[in-house]
């Protein structure tokens, strides 16, 4: 199980995404980043998110 927390990008935001695969988490997190934080979709945003996806505990 993989997990991403918005706080890992320095945002004061309680959002987190959890899923079986990194790709599923990435899709959820990228959608949130675009809609909640006005971050542009693209490789730069994906790279930042991907670097902060961890194993769920």
Protein backbone atom coordinates (compact mmCIF):
# COMPACT_ATOMS: atom_id res chain seq x y z
CA UNK A 1 0.00 0.00 0.00
CA UNK A 2 1.32 3.44 -0.98
CA UNK A 3 0.56 6.83 0.60
CA UNK A 4 1.08 10.51 -0.17
CA UNK A 5 0.50 13.44 2.22
CA UNK A 6 0.18 16.98 0.93
CA UNK A 7 2.19 18.20 3.93
CA UNK A 8 5.25 16.50 2.43
CA UNK A 9 5.28 19.26 -0.22
CA UNK A 10 5.25 21.99 2.42
CA UNK A 11 1.51 22.66 2.20
CA UNK A 12 -0.56 23.23 5.31
CA UNK A 13 -3.17 20.82 4.00
CA UNK A 14 -4.60 17.67 5.57
CA UNK A 15 -5.03 15.85 2.23
CA UNK A 16 -3.64 12.37 1.90
CA UNK A 17 -4.08 9.68 -0.73
CA UNK A 18 -3.63 5.98 -0.24
CA UNK A 19 -3.89 3.16 -2.77
CA UNK A 20 -2.39 -0.17 -3.76
CA UNK A 21 -0.09 1.28 -6.42
CA UNK A 22 2.09 4.35 -6.82
CA UNK A 23 0.26 5.23 -10.05
CA UNK A 24 -3.14 5.29 -8.29
CA UNK A 25 -1.78 7.53 -5.54
CA UNK A 26 -0.12 9.76 -8.11
CA UNK A 27 -3.39 10.24 -10.02
CA UNK A 28 -5.31 11.16 -6.86
CA UNK A 29 -2.59 13.51 -5.63
CA UNK A 30 -2.15 15.20 -9.00
CA UNK A 31 -5.89 15.88 -9.22
CA UNK A 32 -5.85 17.35 -5.70
CA UNK A 33 -2.78 19.49 -6.43
CA UNK A 34 -4.44 20.96 -9.50
CA UNK A 35 -7.84 21.62 -7.95
CA UNK A 36 -6.87 22.65 -4.42
CA UNK A 37 -3.49 24.33 -4.92
CA UNK A 38 -3.64 25.49 -8.55
CA UNK A 39 -0.50 23.52 -9.40
CA UNK A 40 -0.12 22.84 -13.10
CA UNK A 41 -0.40 19.26 -14.22
CA UNK A 42 2.76 17.99 -15.80
CA UNK A 43 6.07 16.28 -15.25
CA UNK A 44 7.32 18.75 -12.63
CA UNK A 45 4.28 18.26 -10.41
CA UNK A 46 4.31 14.49 -10.95
CA UNK A 47 8.02 14.34 -10.03
CA UNK A 48 7.42 16.26 -6.78
CA UNK A 49 4.53 14.00 -5.83
CA UNK A 50 6.28 10.79 -6.84
CA UNK A 51 9.35 11.72 -4.74
CA UNK A 52 7.09 11.92 -1.67
CA UNK A 53 5.06 8.72 -2.05
CA UNK A 54 5.86 6.34 0.79
CA UNK A 55 4.85 2.91 1.99
CA UNK A 56 1.68 3.21 4.07
CA UNK A 57 2.09 2.18 7.68
